[in-house]
Amino acid sequence: MSKPLRILYVEDQVDLRDLMADVFADMGMDVKLAADAQTAFEMLTSGTEVDVLFTDVYMPGQMTGAELSLRVQKMMPHIKIVLASGHSRHQLPPLPSEIEFVQKPYSLGQVIKMLQTFQSAAA
């Protein structure tokens, strides 16, 4: 039996964060939550181990999800990164090609399929 995919989900909208946490847990994933990029970065640099960082691009606070993803990619290149935004990808700052992007509102099926791909690759 493979170990559960460990995901850090970063989202400032409480309802969406709670919903997705339930979806990920129902899929058998080990879910950690953060309400902003700074908290997520502190979790990761203090030893929280994850396989996937799934973060909204724009959130309140001093660090955006895009900045978080670039820092994590540099420091922890083994972590898969998914960025979500209500803006289309071409409206965002340039992102490395290894970073996955999903446009809000995203479908649960779309996200589940992507995460299952990550889980298969990790198994």
PDB file of N, CA and C in Angstrom:
ATOM      1  N   MET A   1       0.844  -1.187   0.000  1.00  0.00           N
ATOM      2  CA  MET A   1       0.000   0.000   0.000  1.00  0.00           C
ATOM      3  C   MET A   1       0.883   1.242   0.000  1.00  0.00           C
ATOM      4  N   SER A   2       0.569   2.189  -0.865  1.00  0.00           N
ATOM      5  CA  SER A   2       1.381   3.394  -0.954  1.00  0.00           C
ATOM      6  C   SER A   2       0.998   4.366   0.155  1.00  0.00           C
ATOM      7  N   LYS A   3       1.957   5.206   0.499  1.00  0.00           N
ATOM      8  CA  LYS A   3       1.676   6.203   1.542  1.00  0.00           C
ATOM      9  C   LYS A   3       0.765   7.283   0.979  1.00  0.00           C
ATOM     10  N   PRO A   4      -0.021   7.922   1.836  1.00  0.00           N
ATOM     11  CA  PRO A   4      -0.929   8.959   1.335  1.00  0.00           C
ATOM     12  C   PRO A   4      -0.150  10.161   0.806  1.00  0.00           C
ATOM     13  N   LEU A   5      -0.701  10.791  -0.208  1.00  0.00           N
ATOM     14  CA  LEU A   5      -0.121  12.016  -0.745  1.00  0.00           C
ATOM     15  C   LEU A   5      -0.278  13.100   0.317  1.00  0.00           C
ATOM     16  N   ARG A   6       0.807  13.810   0.586  1.00  0.00           N
ATOM     17  CA  ARG A   6       0.782  14.875   1.594  1.00  0.00           C
ATOM     18  C   ARG A   6       0.631  16.204   0.859  1.00  0.00           C
ATOM     19  N   ILE A   7      -0.429  16.928   1.198  1.00  0.00           N
ATOM     20  CA  ILE A   7      -0.737  18.172   0.489  1.00  0.00           C
ATOM     21  C   ILE A   7      -0.873  19.330   1.474  1.00  0.00           C
ATOM     22  N   LEU A   8      -0.287  20.458   1.097  1.00  0.00           N
ATOM     23  CA  LEU A   8      -0.480  21.698   1.844  1.00  0.00           C
ATOM     24  C   LEU A   8      -1.363  22.578   0.977  1.00  0.00           C
ATOM     25  N   TYR A   9      -2.567  22.854   1.461  1.00  0.00           N
ATOM     26  CA  TYR A   9      -3.553  23.641   0.720  1.00  0.00           C
ATOM     27  C   TYR A   9      -3.611  25.033   1.332  1.00  0.00           C
ATOM     28  N   VAL A  10      -3.290  26.043   0.511  1.00  0.00           N
ATOM     29  CA  VAL A  10      -3.208  27.422   0.982  1.00  0.00           C
ATOM     30  C   VAL A  10      -4.311  28.238   0.303  1.00  0.00           C
ATOM     31  N   GLU A  11      -5.259  28.691   1.113  1.00  0.00           N
ATOM     32  CA  GLU A  11      -6.433  29.400   0.572  1.00  0.00           C
ATOM     33  C   GLU A  11      -6.981  30.301   1.662  1.00  0.00           C
ATOM     34  N   ASP A  12      -7.221  31.589   1.319  1.00  0.00           N
ATOM     35  CA  ASP A  12      -7.734  32.516   2.328  1.00  0.00           C
ATOM     36  C   ASP A  12      -9.247  32.446   2.491  1.00  0.00           C
ATOM     37  N   GLN A  13      -9.980  31.895   1.533  1.00  0.00           N
ATOM     38  CA  GLN A  13     -11.435  31.775   1.660  1.00  0.00           C
ATOM     39  C   GLN A  13     -11.761  30.540   2.511  1.00  0.00           C
ATOM     40  N   VAL A  14     -12.289  30.793   3.690  1.00  0.00           N
ATOM     41  CA  VAL A  14     -12.513  29.724   4.664  1.00  0.00           C
ATOM     42  C   VAL A  14     -13.400  28.607   4.115  1.00  0.00           C
ATOM     43  N   ASP A  15     -14.517  28.963   3.475  1.00  0.00           N
ATOM     44  CA  ASP A  15     -15.446  27.943   2.974  1.00  0.00           C
ATOM     45  C   ASP A  15     -14.774  27.032   1.944  1.00  0.00           C
ATOM     46  N   LEU A  16     -14.038  27.626   1.025  1.00  0.00           N
ATOM     47  CA  LEU A  16     -13.346  26.830   0.006  1.00  0.00           C
ATOM     48  C   LEU A  16     -12.248  25.982   0.633  1.00  0.00           C
ATOM     49  N   ARG A  17     -11.516  26.561   1.592  1.00  0.00           N
ATOM     50  CA  ARG A  17     -10.443  25.815   2.269  1.00  0.00           C
ATOM     51  C   ARG A  17     -11.019  24.594   2.990  1.00  0.00           C
ATOM     52  N   ASP A  18     -12.125  24.781   3.697  1.00  0.00           N
ATOM     53  CA  ASP A  18     -12.741  23.668   4.427  1.00  0.00           C
ATOM     54  C   ASP A  18     -13.286  22.610   3.469  1.00  0.00           C
ATOM     55  N   LEU A  19     -13.934  23.048   2.391  1.00  0.00           N
ATOM     56  CA  LEU A  19     -14.476  22.108   1.408  1.00  0.00           C
ATOM     57  C   LEU A  19     -13.366  21.259   0.796  1.00  0.00           C
ATOM     58  N   MET A  20     -12.300  21.921   0.339  1.00  0.00           N
ATOM     59  CA  MET A  20     -11.220  21.184  -0.316  1.00  0.00           C
ATOM     60  C   MET A  20     -10.474  20.284   0.676  1.00  0.00           C
ATOM     61  N   ALA A  21     -10.369  20.714   1.915  1.00  0.00           N
ATOM     62  CA  ALA A  21      -9.741  19.864   2.932  1.00  0.00           C
ATOM     63  C   ALA A  21     -10.529  18.559   3.078  1.00  0.00           C
ATOM     64  N   ASP A  22     -11.853  18.663   3.084  1.00  0.00           N
ATOM     65  CA  ASP A  22     -12.698  17.468   3.168  1.00  0.00           C
ATOM     66  C   ASP A  22     -12.529  16.585   1.939  1.00  0.00           C
ATOM     67  N   VAL A  23     -12.484  17.205   0.753  1.00  0.00           N
ATOM     68  CA  VAL A  23     -12.319  16.437  -0.487  1.00  0.00           C
ATOM     69  C   VAL A  23     -10.985  15.690  -0.465  1.00  0.00           C
ATOM     70  N   PHE A  24      -9.913  16.395  -0.112  1.00  0.00           N
ATOM     71  CA  PHE A  24      -8.594  15.765  -0.092  1.00  0.00           C
ATOM     72  C   PHE A  24      -8.533  14.641   0.946  1.00  0.00           C
ATOM     73  N   ALA A  25      -9.114  14.871   2.118  1.00  0.00           N
ATOM     74  CA  ALA A  25      -9.125  13.840   3.162  1.00  0.00           C
ATOM     75  C   ALA A  25      -9.931  12.632   2.699  1.00  0.00           C
ATOM     76  N   ASP A  26     -11.067  12.879   2.030  1.00  0.00           N
ATOM     77  CA  ASP A  26     -11.882  11.776   1.509  1.00  0.00           C
ATOM     78  C   ASP A  26     -11.126  10.965   0.459  1.00  0.00           C
ATOM     79  N   MET A  27     -10.178  11.612  -0.214  1.00  0.00           N
ATOM     80  CA  MET A  27      -9.356  10.911  -1.209  1.00  0.00           C
ATOM     81  C   MET A  27      -8.204  10.144  -0.548  1.00  0.00           C
ATOM     82  N   GLY A  28      -8.115  10.239   0.773  1.00  0.00           N
ATOM     83  CA  GLY A  28      -7.072   9.517   1.486  1.00  0.00           C
ATOM     84  C   GLY A  28      -5.766  10.274   1.604  1.00  0.00           C
ATOM     85  N   MET A  29      -5.806  11.567   1.352  1.00  0.00           N
ATOM     86  CA  MET A  29      -4.593  12.385   1.431  1.00  0.00           C
ATOM     87  C   MET A  29      -4.380  12.906   2.841  1.00  0.00           C
ATOM     88  N   ASP A  30      -3.126  13.157   3.147  1.00  0.00           N
ATOM     89  CA  ASP A  30      -2.734  13.792   4.403  1.00  0.00           C
ATOM     90  C   ASP A  30      -2.742  15.300   4.132  1.00  0.00           C
ATOM     91  N   VAL A  31      -3.712  16.015   4.701  1.00  0.00           N
ATOM     92  CA  VAL A  31      -3.938  17.420   4.363  1.00  0.00           C
ATOM     93  C   VAL A  31      -3.482  18.349   5.483  1.00  0.00           C
ATOM     94  N   LYS A  32      -2.715  19.355   5.099  1.00  0.00           N
ATOM     95  CA  LYS A  32      -2.349  20.449   5.992  1.00  0.00           C
ATOM     96  C   LYS A  32      -2.955  21.708   5.371  1.00  0.00           C
ATOM     97  N   LEU A  33      -3.352  22.666   6.213  1.00  0.00           N
ATOM     98  CA  LEU A  33      -4.012  23.874   5.725  1.00  0.00           C
ATOM     99  C   LEU A  33      -3.281  25.125   6.195  1.00  0.00           C
ATOM    100  N   ALA A  34      -3.318  26.147   5.337  1.00  0.00           N
ATOM    101  CA  ALA A  34      -2.803  27.464   5.715  1.00  0.00           C
ATOM    102  C   ALA A  34      -3.713  28.514   5.090  1.00  0.00           C
ATOM    103  N   ALA A  35      -3.907  29.621   5.799  1.00  0.00           N
ATOM    104  CA  ALA A  35      -4.788  30.686   5.322  1.00  0.00           C
ATOM    105  C   ALA A  35      -4.049  31.740   4.506  1.00  0.00           C
ATOM    106  N   ASP A  36      -2.706  31.690   4.539  1.00  0.00           N
ATOM    107  CA  ASP A  36      -1.945  32.663   3.751  1.00  0.00           C
ATOM    108  C   ASP A  36      -0.569  32.083   3.423  1.00  0.00           C
ATOM    109  N   ALA A  37       0.104  32.739   2.484  1.00  0.00           N
ATOM    110  CA  ALA A  37       1.383  32.236   1.978  1.00  0.00           C
ATOM    111  C   ALA A  37       2.472  32.273   3.042  1.00  0.00           C
ATOM    112  N   GLN A  38       2.496  33.312   3.864  1.00  0.00           N
ATOM    113  CA  GLN A  38       3.529  33.414   4.897  1.00  0.00           C
ATOM    114  C   GLN A  38       3.427  32.247   5.878  1.00  0.00           C
ATOM    115  N   THR A  39       2.208  31.933   6.311  1.00  0.00           N
ATOM    116  CA  THR A  39       2.013  30.796   7.224  1.00  0.00           C
ATOM    117  C   THR A  39       2.477  29.503   6.564  1.00  0.00           C
ATOM    118  N   ALA A  40       2.116  29.321   5.294  1.00  0.00           N
ATOM    119  CA  ALA A  40       2.526  28.112   4.569  1.00  0.00           C
ATOM    120  C   ALA A  40       4.047  28.018   4.487  1.00  0.00           C
ATOM    121  N   PHE A  41       4.694  29.139   4.186  1.00  0.00           N
ATOM    122  CA  PHE A  41       6.153  29.149   4.079  1.00  0.00           C
ATOM    123  C   PHE A  41       6.786  28.788   5.426  1.00  0.00           C
ATOM    124  N   GLU A  42       6.256  29.350   6.502  1.00  0.00           N
ATOM    125  CA  GLU A  42       6.772  29.040   7.841  1.00  0.00           C
ATOM    126  C   GLU A  42       6.570  27.564   8.171  1.00  0.00           C
ATOM    127  N   MET A  43       5.434  27.001   7.786  1.00  0.00           N
ATOM    128  CA  MET A  43       5.194  25.573   8.025  1.00  0.00           C
ATOM    129  C   MET A  43       6.248  24.736   7.298  1.00  0.00           C
ATOM    130  N   LEU A  44       6.481  25.070   6.028  1.00  0.00           N
ATOM    131  CA  LEU A  44       7.423  24.291   5.217  1.00  0.00           C
ATOM    132  C   LEU A  44       8.860  24.440   5.710  1.00  0.00           C
ATOM    133  N   THR A  45       9.249  25.633   6.110  1.00  0.00           N
ATOM    134  CA  THR A  45      10.631  25.830   6.559  1.00  0.00           C
ATOM    135  C   THR A  45      10.851  25.338   7.986  1.00  0.00           C
ATOM    136  N   SER A  46       9.775  25.036   8.706  1.00  0.00           N
ATOM    137  CA  SER A  46       9.933  24.511  10.066  1.00  0.00           C
ATOM    138  C   SER A  46       9.772  22.989  10.104  1.00  0.00           C
ATOM    139  N   GLY A  47       9.719  22.353   8.936  1.00  0.00           N
ATOM    140  CA  GLY A  47       9.755  20.900   8.917  1.00  0.00           C
ATOM    141  C   GLY A  47       8.508  20.174   8.466  1.00  0.00           C
ATOM    142  N   THR A  48       7.428  20.878   8.155  1.00  0.00           N
ATOM    143  CA  THR A  48       6.239  20.212   7.635  1.00  0.00           C
ATOM    144  C   THR A  48       6.589  19.621   6.270  1.00  0.00           C
ATOM    145  N   GLU A  49       6.435  18.318   6.136  1.00  0.00           N
ATOM    146  CA  GLU A  49       6.792  17.659   4.878  1.00  0.00           C
ATOM    147  C   GLU A  49       5.550  17.441   4.033  1.00  0.00           C
ATOM    148  N   VAL A  50       5.626  17.870   2.769  1.00  0.00           N
ATOM    149  CA  VAL A  50       4.518  17.696   1.846  1.00  0.00           C
ATOM    150  C   VAL A  50       5.053  17.247   0.490  1.00  0.00           C
ATOM    151  N   ASP A  51       4.157  16.645  -0.278  1.00  0.00           N
ATOM    152  CA  ASP A  51       4.473  16.254  -1.651  1.00  0.00           C
ATOM    153  C   ASP A  51       3.963  17.293  -2.634  1.00  0.00           C
ATOM    154  N   VAL A  52       2.849  17.968  -2.246  1.00  0.00           N
ATOM    155  CA  VAL A  52       2.195  18.931  -3.139  1.00  0.00           C
ATOM    156  C   VAL A  52       1.857  20.200  -2.362  1.00  0.00           C
ATOM    157  N   LEU A  53       2.197  21.334  -2.972  1.00  0.00           N
ATOM    158  CA  LEU A  53       1.760  22.634  -2.481  1.00  0.00           C
ATOM    159  C   LEU A  53       0.692  23.121  -3.450  1.00  0.00           C
ATOM    160  N   PHE A  54      -0.521  23.339  -2.946  1.00  0.00           N
ATOM    161  CA  PHE A  54      -1.634  23.823  -3.756  1.00  0.00           C
ATOM    162  C   PHE A  54      -2.021  25.174  -3.177  1.00  0.00           C
ATOM    163  N   THR A  55      -1.758  26.238  -3.921  1.00  0.00           N
ATOM    164  CA  THR A  55      -1.971  27.566  -3.362  1.00  0.00           C
ATOM    165  C   THR A  55      -2.689  28.506  -4.308  1.00  0.00           C
ATOM    166  N   ASP A  56      -3.505  29.359  -3.723  1.00  0.00           N
ATOM    167  CA  ASP A  56      -4.127  30.439  -4.459  1.00  0.00           C
ATOM    168  C   ASP A  56      -3.019  31.439  -4.787  1.00  0.00           C
ATOM    169  N   VAL A  57      -3.141  32.144  -5.902  1.00  0.00           N
ATOM    170  CA  VAL A  57      -2.111  33.109  -6.283  1.00  0.00           C
ATOM    171  C   VAL A  57      -2.197  34.368  -5.428  1.00  0.00           C
ATOM    172  N   TYR A  58      -3.388  34.960  -5.368  1.00  0.00           N
ATOM    173  CA  TYR A  58      -3.526  36.225  -4.650  1.00  0.00           C
ATOM    174  C   TYR A  58      -4.250  36.014  -3.333  1.00  0.00           C
ATOM    175  N   MET A  59      -3.567  36.415  -2.239  1.00  0.00           N
ATOM    176  CA  MET A  59      -4.133  36.309  -0.900  1.00  0.00           C
ATOM    177  C   MET A  59      -3.693  37.519  -0.102  1.00  0.00           C
ATOM    178  N   PRO A  60      -4.397  37.833   0.962  1.00  0.00           N
ATOM    179  CA  PRO A  60      -3.939  38.932   1.809  1.00  0.00           C
ATOM    180  C   PRO A  60      -2.603  38.563   2.455  1.00  0.00           C
ATOM    181  N   GLY A  61      -1.869  39.572   2.827  1.00  0.00           N
ATOM    182  CA  GLY A  61      -0.586  39.327   3.478  1.00  0.00           C
ATOM    183  C   GLY A  61       0.557  39.845   2.627  1.00  0.00           C
ATOM    184  N   GLN A  62       1.751  39.656   3.138  1.00  0.00           N
ATOM    185  CA  GLN A  62       2.925  40.229   2.486  1.00  0.00           C
ATOM    186  C   GLN A  62       3.468  39.377   1.351  1.00  0.00           C
ATOM    187  N   MET A  63       3.093  38.105   1.289  1.00  0.00           N
ATOM    188  CA  MET A  63       3.604  37.213   0.256  1.00  0.00           C
ATOM    189  C   MET A  63       2.443  36.658  -0.561  1.00  0.00           C
ATOM    190  N   THR A  64       2.581  36.664  -1.881  1.00  0.00           N
ATOM    191  CA  THR A  64       1.550  36.066  -2.731  1.00  0.00           C
ATOM    192  C   THR A  64       1.816  34.571  -2.872  1.00  0.00           C
ATOM    193  N   GLY A  65       0.824  33.867  -3.365  1.00  0.00           N
ATOM    194  CA  GLY A  65       1.011  32.450  -3.649  1.00  0.00           C
ATOM    195  C   GLY A  65       2.053  32.224  -4.732  1.00  0.00           C
ATOM    196  N   ALA A  66       2.131  33.150  -5.690  1.00  0.00           N
ATOM    197  CA  ALA A  66       3.151  33.039  -6.745  1.00  0.00           C
ATOM    198  C   ALA A  66       4.546  33.150  -6.146  1.00  0.00           C
ATOM    199  N   GLU A  67       4.748  34.114  -5.238  1.00  0.00           N
ATOM    200  CA  GLU A  67       6.050  34.256  -4.571  1.00  0.00           C
ATOM    201  C   GLU A  67       6.364  33.012  -3.745  1.00  0.00           C
ATOM    202  N   LEU A  68       5.350  32.512  -3.030  1.00  0.00           N
ATOM    203  CA  LEU A  68       5.525  31.295  -2.242  1.00  0.00           C
ATOM    204  C   LEU A  68       5.977  30.144  -3.134  1.00  0.00           C
ATOM    205  N   SER A  69       5.302  29.981  -4.262  1.00  0.00           N
ATOM    206  CA  SER A  69       5.628  28.858  -5.139  1.00  0.00           C
ATOM    207  C   SER A  69       7.056  28.960  -5.677  1.00  0.00           C
ATOM    208  N   LEU A  70       7.496  30.165  -6.003  1.00  0.00           N
ATOM    209  CA  LEU A  70       8.860  30.333  -6.504  1.00  0.00           C
ATOM    210  C   LEU A  70       9.893  30.035  -5.417  1.00  0.00           C
ATOM    211  N   ARG A  71       9.629  30.471  -4.190  1.00  0.00           N
ATOM    212  CA  ARG A  71      10.542  30.177  -3.071  1.00  0.00           C
ATOM    213  C   ARG A  71      10.616  28.679  -2.811  1.00  0.00           C
ATOM    214  N   VAL A  72       9.457  28.046  -2.788  1.00  0.00           N
ATOM    215  CA  VAL A  72       9.412  26.611  -2.513  1.00  0.00           C
ATOM    216  C   VAL A  72      10.104  25.837  -3.635  1.00  0.00           C
ATOM    217  N   GLN A  73       9.873  26.260  -4.866  1.00  0.00           N
ATOM    218  CA  GLN A  73      10.502  25.573  -5.994  1.00  0.00           C
ATOM    219  C   GLN A  73      12.025  25.620  -5.889  1.00  0.00           C
ATOM    220  N   LYS A  74      12.550  26.767  -5.460  1.00  0.00           N
ATOM    221  CA  LYS A  74      14.006  26.907  -5.313  1.00  0.00           C
ATOM    222  C   LYS A  74      14.551  26.084  -4.156  1.00  0.00           C
ATOM    223  N   MET A  75      13.868  26.153  -3.006  1.00  0.00           N
ATOM    224  CA  MET A  75      14.356  25.527  -1.785  1.00  0.00           C
ATOM    225  C   MET A  75      14.011  24.045  -1.686  1.00  0.00           C
ATOM    226  N   MET A  76      12.890  23.650  -2.256  1.00  0.00           N
ATOM    227  CA  MET A  76      12.382  22.285  -2.122  1.00  0.00           C
ATOM    228  C   MET A  76      11.872  21.794  -3.481  1.00  0.00           C
ATOM    229  N   PRO A  77      12.780  21.582  -4.439  1.00  0.00           N
ATOM    230  CA  PRO A  77      12.357  21.272  -5.807  1.00  0.00           C
ATOM    231  C   PRO A  77      11.582  19.963  -5.953  1.00  0.00           C
ATOM    232  N   HIS A  78      11.603  19.106  -4.931  1.00  0.00           N
ATOM    233  CA  HIS A  78      10.871  17.836  -4.989  1.00  0.00           C
ATOM    234  C   HIS A  78       9.360  18.024  -4.805  1.00  0.00           C
ATOM    235  N   ILE A  79       8.941  19.191  -4.301  1.00  0.00           N
ATOM    236  CA  ILE A  79       7.516  19.439  -4.058  1.00  0.00           C
ATOM    237  C   ILE A  79       6.836  19.856  -5.361  1.00  0.00           C
ATOM    238  N   LYS A  80       5.743  19.175  -5.694  1.00  0.00           N
ATOM    239  CA  LYS A  80       4.923  19.559  -6.851  1.00  0.00           C
ATOM    240  C   LYS A  80       4.118  20.790  -6.454  1.00  0.00           C
ATOM    241  N   ILE A  81       3.967  21.720  -7.390  1.00  0.00           N
ATOM    242  CA  ILE A  81       3.283  22.969  -7.065  1.00  0.00           C
ATOM    243  C   ILE A  81       2.104  23.182  -8.011  1.00  0.00           C
ATOM    244  N   VAL A  82       0.959  23.515  -7.407  1.00  0.00           N
ATOM    245  CA  VAL A  82      -0.241  23.860  -8.165  1.00  0.00           C
ATOM    246  C   VAL A  82      -0.660  25.262  -7.726  1.00  0.00           C
ATOM    247  N   LEU A  83      -0.794  26.160  -8.694  1.00  0.00           N
ATOM    248  CA  LEU A  83      -1.287  27.507  -8.433  1.00  0.00           C
ATOM    249  C   LEU A  83      -2.702  27.636  -8.966  1.00  0.00           C
ATOM    250  N   ALA A  84      -3.558  28.278  -8.193  1.00  0.00           N
ATOM    251  CA  ALA A  84      -4.944  28.504  -8.618  1.00  0.00           C
ATOM    252  C   ALA A  84      -5.219  30.003  -8.606  1.00  0.00           C
ATOM    253  N   SER A  85      -5.976  30.454  -9.592  1.00  0.00           N
ATOM    254  CA  SER A  85      -6.328  31.872  -9.644  1.00  0.00           C
ATOM    255  C   SER A  85      -7.601  32.072 -10.448  1.00  0.00           C
ATOM    256  N   GLY A  86      -8.325  33.112 -10.095  1.00  0.00           N
ATOM    257  CA  GLY A  86      -9.477  33.524 -10.885  1.00  0.00           C
ATOM    258  C   GLY A  86      -9.044  34.233 -12.160  1.00  0.00           C
ATOM    259  N   HIS A  87      -7.782  34.636 -12.213  1.00  0.00           N
ATOM    260  CA  HIS A  87      -7.214  35.259 -13.412  1.00  0.00           C
ATOM    261  C   HIS A  87      -6.679  34.162 -14.323  1.00  0.00           C
ATOM    262  N   SER A  88      -6.674  34.398 -15.621  1.00  0.00           N
ATOM    263  CA  SER A  88      -6.097  33.403 -16.525  1.00  0.00           C
ATOM    264  C   SER A  88      -4.572  33.450 -16.411  1.00  0.00           C
ATOM    265  N   ARG A  89      -3.914  32.379 -16.840  1.00  0.00           N
ATOM    266  CA  ARG A  89      -2.462  32.267 -16.666  1.00  0.00           C
ATOM    267  C   ARG A  89      -1.733  33.430 -17.339  1.00  0.00           C
ATOM    268  N   HIS A  90      -2.196  33.880 -18.498  1.00  0.00           N
ATOM    269  CA  HIS A  90      -1.465  34.952 -19.185  1.00  0.00           C
ATOM    270  C   HIS A  90      -1.600  36.302 -18.478  1.00  0.00           C
ATOM    271  N   GLN A  91      -2.504  36.405 -17.505  1.00  0.00           N
ATOM    272  CA  GLN A  91      -2.638  37.636 -16.725  1.00  0.00           C
ATOM    273  C   GLN A  91      -1.718  37.636 -15.499  1.00  0.00           C
ATOM    274  N   LEU A  92      -1.066  36.523 -15.257  1.00  0.00           N
ATOM    275  CA  LEU A  92      -0.200  36.384 -14.083  1.00  0.00           C
ATOM    276  C   LEU A  92       1.246  36.660 -14.468  1.00  0.00           C
ATOM    277  N   PRO A  93       2.084  36.904 -13.455  1.00  0.00           N
ATOM    278  CA  PRO A  93       3.505  37.018 -13.764  1.00  0.00           C
ATOM    279  C   PRO A  93       4.000  35.699 -14.367  1.00  0.00           C
ATOM    280  N   PRO A  94       5.085  35.716 -15.137  1.00  0.00           N
ATOM    281  CA  PRO A  94       5.582  34.469 -15.728  1.00  0.00           C
ATOM    282  C   PRO A  94       5.858  33.421 -14.642  1.00  0.00           C
ATOM    283  N   LEU A  95       5.413  32.204 -14.913  1.00  0.00           N
ATOM    284  CA  LEU A  95       5.605  31.092 -13.972  1.00  0.00           C
ATOM    285  C   LEU A  95       6.454  30.014 -14.639  1.00  0.00           C
ATOM    286  N   PRO A  96       7.299  29.344 -13.867  1.00  0.00           N
ATOM    287  CA  PRO A  96       8.063  28.238 -14.446  1.00  0.00           C
ATOM    288  C   PRO A  96       7.125  27.166 -15.006  1.00  0.00           C
ATOM    289  N   SER A  97       7.546  26.509 -16.049  1.00  0.00           N
ATOM    290  CA  SER A  97       6.693  25.521 -16.713  1.00  0.00           C
ATOM    291  C   SER A  97       6.359  24.326 -15.821  1.00  0.00           C
ATOM    292  N   GLU A  98       7.192  24.053 -14.817  1.00  0.00           N
ATOM    293  CA  GLU A  98       6.930  22.899 -13.931  1.00  0.00           C
ATOM    294  C   GLU A  98       5.772  23.151 -12.976  1.00  0.00           C
ATOM    295  N   ILE A  99       5.361  24.407 -12.839  1.00  0.00           N
ATOM    296  CA  ILE A  99       4.270  24.729 -11.927  1.00  0.00           C
ATOM    297  C   ILE A  99       2.943  24.529 -12.662  1.00  0.00           C
ATOM    298  N   GLU A 100       2.091  23.710 -12.074  1.00  0.00           N
ATOM    299  CA  GLU A 100       0.763  23.473 -12.648  1.00  0.00           C
ATOM    300  C   GLU A 100      -0.119  24.681 -12.339  1.00  0.00           C
ATOM    301  N   PHE A 101      -1.071  24.958 -13.221  1.00  0.00           N
ATOM    302  CA  PHE A 101      -1.979  26.079 -13.018  1.00  0.00           C
ATOM    303  C   PHE A 101      -3.407  25.615 -13.246  1.00  0.00           C
ATOM    304  N   VAL A 102      -4.298  25.993 -12.339  1.00  0.00           N
ATOM    305  CA  VAL A 102      -5.723  25.749 -12.530  1.00  0.00           C
ATOM    306  C   VAL A 102      -6.451  27.066 -12.346  1.00  0.00           C
ATOM    307  N   GLN A 103      -7.380  27.323 -13.249  1.00  0.00           N
ATOM    308  CA  GLN A 103      -8.137  28.568 -13.179  1.00  0.00           C
ATOM    309  C   GLN A 103      -9.396  28.358 -12.358  1.00  0.00           C
ATOM    310  N   LYS A 104      -9.662  29.298 -11.461  1.00  0.00           N
ATOM    311  CA  LYS A 104     -10.887  29.279 -10.662  1.00  0.00           C
ATOM    312  C   LYS A 104     -12.021  29.833 -11.504  1.00  0.00           C
ATOM    313  N   PRO A 105     -13.221  29.365 -11.352  1.00  0.00           N
ATOM    314  CA  PRO A 105     -13.563  28.225 -10.492  1.00  0.00           C
ATOM    315  C   PRO A 105     -13.136  26.925 -11.160  1.00  0.00           C
ATOM    316  N   TYR A 106     -12.389  26.120 -10.439  1.00  0.00           N
ATOM    317  CA  TYR A 106     -11.959  24.842 -10.986  1.00  0.00           C
ATOM    318  C   TYR A 106     -12.954  23.764 -10.589  1.00  0.00           C
ATOM    319  N   SER A 107     -12.979  22.711 -11.385  1.00  0.00           N
ATOM    320  CA  SER A 107     -13.877  21.607 -11.047  1.00  0.00           C
ATOM    321  C   SER A 107     -13.144  20.640 -10.123  1.00  0.00           C
ATOM    322  N   LEU A 108     -13.904  20.008  -9.245  1.00  0.00           N
ATOM    323  CA  LEU A 108     -13.301  19.006  -8.364  1.00  0.00           C
ATOM    324  C   LEU A 108     -12.664  17.896  -9.190  1.00  0.00           C
ATOM    325  N   GLY A 109     -13.342  17.504 -10.281  1.00  0.00           N
ATOM    326  CA  GLY A 109     -12.811  16.443 -11.134  1.00  0.00           C
ATOM    327  C   GLY A 109     -11.444  16.793 -11.700  1.00  0.00           C
ATOM    328  N   GLN A 110     -11.284  18.032 -12.118  1.00  0.00           N
ATOM    329  CA  GLN A 110     -10.021  18.507 -12.682  1.00  0.00           C
ATOM    330  C   GLN A 110      -8.899  18.405 -11.630  1.00  0.00           C
ATOM    331  N   VAL A 111      -9.181  18.871 -10.423  1.00  0.00           N
ATOM    332  CA  VAL A 111      -8.183  18.852  -9.362  1.00  0.00           C
ATOM    333  C   VAL A 111      -7.874  17.424  -8.929  1.00  0.00           C
ATOM    334  N   ILE A 112      -8.898  16.610  -8.773  1.00  0.00           N
ATOM    335  CA  ILE A 112      -8.707  15.224  -8.359  1.00  0.00           C
ATOM    336  C   ILE A 112      -7.852  14.479  -9.370  1.00  0.00           C
ATOM    337  N   LYS A 113      -8.135  14.658 -10.649  1.00  0.00           N
ATOM    338  CA  LYS A 113      -7.364  13.980 -11.699  1.00  0.00           C
ATOM    339  C   LYS A 113      -5.886  14.383 -11.629  1.00  0.00           C
ATOM    340  N   MET A 114      -5.620  15.674 -11.451  1.00  0.00           N
ATOM    341  CA  MET A 114      -4.244  16.151 -11.363  1.00  0.00           C
ATOM    342  C   MET A 114      -3.531  15.550 -10.155  1.00  0.00           C
ATOM    343  N   LEU A 115      -4.202  15.548  -9.010  1.00  0.00           N
ATOM    344  CA  LEU A 115      -3.576  15.024  -7.799  1.00  0.00           C
ATOM    345  C   LEU A 115      -3.373  13.517  -7.887  1.00  0.00           C
ATOM    346  N   GLN A 116      -4.284  12.811  -8.535  1.00  0.00           N
ATOM    347  CA  GLN A 116      -4.099  11.373  -8.726  1.00  0.00           C
ATOM    348  C   GLN A 116      -2.873  11.091  -9.593  1.00  0.00           C
ATOM    349  N   THR A 117      -2.612  11.980 -10.569  1.00  0.00           N
ATOM    350  CA  THR A 117      -1.405  11.854 -11.384  1.00  0.00           C
ATOM    351  C   THR A 117      -0.167  11.998 -10.509  1.00  0.00           C
ATOM    352  N   PHE A 118      -0.177  12.972  -9.602  1.00  0.00           N
ATOM    353  CA  PHE A 118       0.948  13.164  -8.685  1.00  0.00           C
ATOM    354  C   PHE A 118       1.113  11.939  -7.783  1.00  0.00           C
ATOM    355  N   GLN A 119      -0.021  11.415  -7.316  1.00  0.00           N
ATOM    356  CA  GLN A 119       0.010  10.255  -6.422  1.00  0.00           C
ATOM    357  C   GLN A 119       0.581   9.044  -7.143  1.00  0.00           C
ATOM    358  N   SER A 120       0.199   8.841  -8.395  1.00  0.00           N
ATOM    359  CA  SER A 120       0.721   7.725  -9.182  1.00  0.00           C
ATOM    360  C   SER A 120       2.216   7.870  -9.373  1.00  0.00           C
ATOM    361  N   ALA A 121       2.673   9.088  -9.627  1.00  0.00           N
ATOM    362  CA  ALA A 121       4.100   9.323  -9.844  1.00  0.00           C
ATOM    363  C   ALA A 121       4.905   9.086  -8.568  1.00  0.00           C
ATOM    364  N   ALA A 122       4.279   9.356  -7.415  1.00  0.00           N
ATOM    365  CA  ALA A 122       4.974   9.198  -6.123  1.00  0.00           C
ATOM    366  C   ALA A 122       4.998   7.737  -5.651  1.00  0.00           C
ATOM    367  N   ALA A 123       4.080   6.932  -6.173  1.00  0.00           N
ATOM    368  CA  ALA A 123       3.959   5.539  -5.698  1.00  0.00           C
ATOM    369  C   ALA A 123       5.097   4.671  -6.187  1.00  0.00           C
TER     370      ALA A 123
END
